[in-house]
Structure formats: C-alpha cells, structure tokens
C-alpha atoms as a PDB file:
ATOM      1  CA  UNK A   1      31.855  -0.725   0.145  1.00  0.00           C
ATOM      2  CA  UNK A   2      29.187  -1.740  -2.324  1.00  0.00           C
ATOM      3  CA  UNK A   3      26.842   0.581  -4.069  1.00  0.00           C
ATOM      4  CA  UNK A   4      23.329   0.781  -3.082  1.00  0.00           C
ATOM      5  CA  UNK A   5      20.635  -0.513  -5.420  1.00  0.00           C
ATOM      6  CA  UNK A   6      19.860   3.157  -6.022  1.00  0.00           C
ATOM      7  CA  UNK A   7      23.389   3.833  -7.217  1.00  0.00           C
ATOM      8  CA  UNK A   8      23.521   0.668  -9.082  1.00  0.00           C
ATOM      9  CA  UNK A   9      20.387   1.415 -11.090  1.00  0.00           C
ATOM     10  CA  UNK A  10      21.634   4.918 -12.008  1.00  0.00           C
ATOM     11  CA  UNK A  11      20.342   7.240  -9.238  1.00  0.00           C
ATOM     12  CA  UNK A  12      17.631   9.868  -9.392  1.00  0.00           C
ATOM     13  CA  UNK A  13      17.456  10.106 -13.134  1.00  0.00           C
ATOM     14  CA  UNK A  14      16.951   6.452 -13.452  1.00  0.00           C
ATOM     15  CA  UNK A  15      14.321   6.235 -10.777  1.00  0.00           C
ATOM     16  CA  UNK A  16      12.356   9.079 -12.362  1.00  0.00           C
ATOM     17  CA  UNK A  17      12.402   7.420 -15.729  1.00  0.00           C
ATOM     18  CA  UNK A  18      11.120   4.321 -13.988  1.00  0.00           C
ATOM     19  CA  UNK A  19       8.484   6.058 -12.241  1.00  0.00           C
ATOM     20  CA  UNK A  20       7.341   7.934 -15.452  1.00  0.00           C
ATOM     21  CA  UNK A  21       7.147   4.506 -17.395  1.00  0.00           C
ATOM     22  CA  UNK A  22       5.396   2.966 -14.335  1.00  0.00           C
ATOM     23  CA  UNK A  23       2.594   5.444 -14.134  1.00  0.00           C
ATOM     24  CA  UNK A  24       2.163   5.338 -18.062  1.00  0.00           C
ATOM     25  CA  UNK A  25       1.555   1.759 -17.584  1.00  0.00           C
ATOM     26  CA  UNK A  26      -0.720   1.954 -14.572  1.00  0.00           C
ATOM     27  CA  UNK A  27      -2.875   4.782 -16.092  1.00  0.00           C
ATOM     28  CA  UNK A  28      -3.232   2.835 -19.353  1.00  0.00           C
ATOM     29  CA  UNK A  29      -4.653  -0.202 -17.350  1.00  0.00           C
ATOM     30  CA  UNK A  30      -8.479  -0.098 -17.449  1.00  0.00           C
ATOM     31  CA  UNK A  31      -8.342  -2.152 -14.199  1.00  0.00           C
ATOM     32  CA  UNK A  32      -6.356   0.357 -12.347  1.00  0.00           C
ATOM     33  CA  UNK A  33      -7.023   3.864 -13.802  1.00  0.00           C
ATOM     34  CA  UNK A  34      -9.946   4.477 -11.649  1.00  0.00           C
ATOM     35  CA  UNK A  35      -8.063   4.499  -8.436  1.00  0.00           C
ATOM     36  CA  UNK A  36      -6.399   7.649  -9.672  1.00  0.00           C
ATOM     37  CA  UNK A  37      -9.446   9.783 -10.492  1.00  0.00           C
ATOM     38  CA  UNK A  38      -8.834  13.226  -8.957  1.00  0.00           C
ATOM     39  CA  UNK A  39      -5.347  12.612  -7.921  1.00  0.00           C
ATOM     40  CA  UNK A  40      -2.606  15.065  -8.272  1.00  0.00           C
ATOM     41  CA  UNK A  41      -0.369  13.003 -10.458  1.00  0.00           C
ATOM     42  CA  UNK A  42       2.649  15.308 -10.334  1.00  0.00           C
ATOM     43  CA  UNK A  43       2.617  14.950  -6.515  1.00  0.00           C
ATOM     44  CA  UNK A  44       2.102  11.186  -6.641  1.00  0.00           C
ATOM     45  CA  UNK A  45       4.953  10.794  -9.135  1.00  0.00           C
ATOM     46  CA  UNK A  46       7.071  12.766  -6.812  1.00  0.00           C
ATOM     47  CA  UNK A  47       6.066  10.598  -3.845  1.00  0.00           C
ATOM     48  CA  UNK A  48       6.802   7.551  -5.840  1.00  0.00           C
ATOM     49  CA  UNK A  49      10.231   8.817  -6.812  1.00  0.00           C
ATOM     50  CA  UNK A  50      10.875   9.243  -2.964  1.00  0.00           C
ATOM     51  CA  UNK A  51       9.521   5.927  -2.297  1.00  0.00           C
ATOM     52  CA  UNK A  52      11.452   3.935  -4.865  1.00  0.00           C
ATOM     53  CA  UNK A  53      14.658   5.941  -3.896  1.00  0.00           C
ATOM     54  CA  UNK A  54      14.159   5.094  -0.254  1.00  0.00           C
ATOM     55  CA  UNK A  55      13.565   1.345  -0.846  1.00  0.00           C
ATOM     56  CA  UNK A  56      16.516   1.152  -3.219  1.00  0.00           C
ATOM     57  CA  UNK A  57      18.768   2.750  -0.487  1.00  0.00           C
ATOM     58  CA  UNK A  58      19.167   6.188  -2.114  1.00  0.00           C
ATOM     59  CA  UNK A  59      19.603   9.474  -0.213  1.00  0.00           C
ATOM     60  CA  UNK A  60      15.905  10.364  -0.008  1.00  0.00           C
ATOM     61  CA  UNK A  61      13.504   9.272   2.587  1.00  0.00           C
ATOM     62  CA  UNK A  62       9.910   8.711   1.956  1.00  0.00           C
ATOM     63  CA  UNK A  63       7.759  11.442   3.471  1.00  0.00           C
ATOM     64  CA  UNK A  64       4.340  10.352   2.316  1.00  0.00           C
ATOM     65  CA  UNK A  65       1.478   9.024   4.393  1.00  0.00           C
ATOM     66  CA  UNK A  66       1.811   5.688   6.125  1.00  0.00           C
ATOM     67  CA  UNK A  67       0.962   2.943   3.552  1.00  0.00           C
ATOM     68  CA  UNK A  68      -2.167   1.774   5.356  1.00  0.00           C
ATOM     69  CA  UNK A  69      -3.619   5.341   5.768  1.00  0.00           C
ATOM     70  CA  UNK A  70      -2.619   6.468   2.166  1.00  0.00           C
ATOM     71  CA  UNK A  71      -4.551   3.491   0.618  1.00  0.00           C
ATOM     72  CA  UNK A  72      -7.403   2.855   3.124  1.00  0.00           C
ATOM     73  CA  UNK A  73      -9.973   4.783   1.096  1.00  0.00           C
ATOM     74  CA  UNK A  74      -9.280   2.971  -2.095  1.00  0.00           C
ATOM     75  CA  UNK A  75     -10.573  -0.600  -1.288  1.00  0.00           C
ATOM     76  CA  UNK A  76      -7.630  -2.168  -3.134  1.00  0.00           C
ATOM     77  CA  UNK A  77      -7.871  -5.971  -3.628  1.00  0.00           C
ATOM     78  CA  UNK A  78      -5.020  -8.479  -3.947  1.00  0.00           C
ATOM     79  CA  UNK A  79      -5.454  -8.538  -7.823  1.00  0.00           C
ATOM     80  CA  UNK A  80      -5.070  -4.832  -8.033  1.00  0.00           C
ATOM     81  CA  UNK A  81      -1.889  -4.985  -5.924  1.00  0.00           C
ATOM     82  CA  UNK A  82      -0.481  -7.703  -8.169  1.00  0.00           C
ATOM     83  CA  UNK A  83      -1.350  -5.640 -11.261  1.00  0.00           C
ATOM     84  CA  UNK A  84       0.410  -2.694  -9.890  1.00  0.00           C
ATOM     85  CA  UNK A  85       3.429  -4.922  -8.926  1.00  0.00           C
ATOM     86  CA  UNK A  86       3.519  -6.431 -12.432  1.00  0.00           C
ATOM     87  CA  UNK A  87       3.609  -2.854 -13.947  1.00  0.00           C
ATOM     88  CA  UNK A  88       6.407  -1.704 -11.619  1.00  0.00           C
ATOM     89  CA  UNK A  89       8.531  -4.873 -12.399  1.00  0.00           C
ATOM     90  CA  UNK A  90       8.064  -4.312 -16.116  1.00  0.00           C
ATOM     91  CA  UNK A  91       9.019  -0.643 -15.819  1.00  0.00           C
ATOM     92  CA  UNK A  92      12.130  -1.532 -13.850  1.00  0.00           C
ATOM     93  CA  UNK A  93      13.078  -4.219 -16.431  1.00  0.00           C
ATOM     94  CA  UNK A  94      12.323  -2.002 -19.380  1.00  0.00           C
ATOM     95  CA  UNK A  95      14.562   0.788 -18.016  1.00  0.00           C
ATOM     96  CA  UNK A  96      17.614  -1.433 -17.660  1.00  0.00           C
ATOM     97  CA  UNK A  97      17.406  -2.496 -14.071  1.00  0.00           C
ATOM     98  CA  UNK A  98      19.104  -5.876 -13.562  1.00  0.00           C
ATOM     99  CA  UNK A  99      17.425  -8.838 -12.239  1.00  0.00           C
ATOM    100  CA  UNK A 100      18.976  -8.911  -8.672  1.00  0.00           C
ATOM    101  CA  UNK A 101      18.031  -5.227  -8.124  1.00  0.00           C
ATOM    102  CA  UNK A 102      14.522  -5.772  -9.504  1.00  0.00           C
ATOM    103  CA  UNK A 103      14.305  -8.612  -6.857  1.00  0.00           C
ATOM    104  CA  UNK A 104      15.455  -6.346  -4.128  1.00  0.00           C
ATOM    105  CA  UNK A 105      13.021  -3.507  -4.899  1.00  0.00           C
ATOM    106  CA  UNK A 106      10.070  -6.054  -5.495  1.00  0.00           C
ATOM    107  CA  UNK A 107      10.800  -7.634  -2.040  1.00  0.00           C
ATOM    108  CA  UNK A 108      10.413  -4.220  -0.437  1.00  0.00           C
ATOM    109  CA  UNK A 109       7.189  -3.607  -2.262  1.00  0.00           C
ATOM    110  CA  UNK A 110       5.859  -7.039  -1.536  1.00  0.00           C
ATOM    111  CA  UNK A 111       6.491  -6.354   2.241  1.00  0.00           C
ATOM    112  CA  UNK A 112       3.897  -3.593   1.956  1.00  0.00           C
ATOM    113  CA  UNK A 113       1.073  -5.706   0.651  1.00  0.00           C
ATOM    114  CA  UNK A 114      -0.706  -6.228   3.967  1.00  0.00           C
ATOM    115  CA  UNK A 115      -0.695  -2.414   4.829  1.00  0.00           C
ATOM    116  CA  UNK A 116      -1.780  -1.400   1.492  1.00  0.00           C
ATOM    117  CA  UNK A 117      -4.597  -3.880   1.411  1.00  0.00           C
ATOM    118  CA  UNK A 118      -5.596  -2.966   4.869  1.00  0.00           C
ATOM    119  CA  UNK A 119      -4.594  -6.264   6.569  1.00  0.00           C
END
C-alpha cells in the first residue's frame, strides 16, 4: 500500500506549515488582501488545513461551505484565482513538497476553479 500525498508530505504539521506560508503570501499580495477584510483568519486557516488535508488524502474531511457558496460574495476573477494558486504552489514548494505531490494537490485545486468563480 502506498502512502497518501498527505503522509508523503509530512502529515498535519507539514500541512499547517504550508497553510501558514500560503496565507502570509496571500495577505502580502495587494491584489488579494482585500478579499480577506473582516475575515476570521484563524477560522479560515483551520478550514484551509482541513481542505488541503482532505485533497491530499489525509484523515480530515473538509467541513466548510460548498466552494460556490463560500466564494459567491467575493466576485473572484480568473486572475485572482490564478494568483492564489501561484501562492499555494510556491508555499508547497518552499515547504519541501515534491513536484509530483504539488501536481496532485494543484490538480485538485484547479478542479475547483469553476465553482469558485461562480461558473
């Protein structure tokens, strides 16, 4: 039996490090920071840990809102989605996730583009 991506990247501690790095990057990006005004970042980080863990095959299941509903009020454009994806990919890489696992996680994220953009 092969390990899940979650196990291969280092489990919960690794996912938490990636999420911390990811949000540091996103909140430092003038194009994106406005989307997070008034957001409970501790809650959002916890949801992101759940989400990344779930898409990586970890033991957590994502219990947040449906992607379309959670993002509907934000008027996210394709360029915004791509910028967030770039930050996630860099956070994964900078935290030692190998290319095959980055690709697997980013494929899962890419599959959410239409719901997040309201399409």
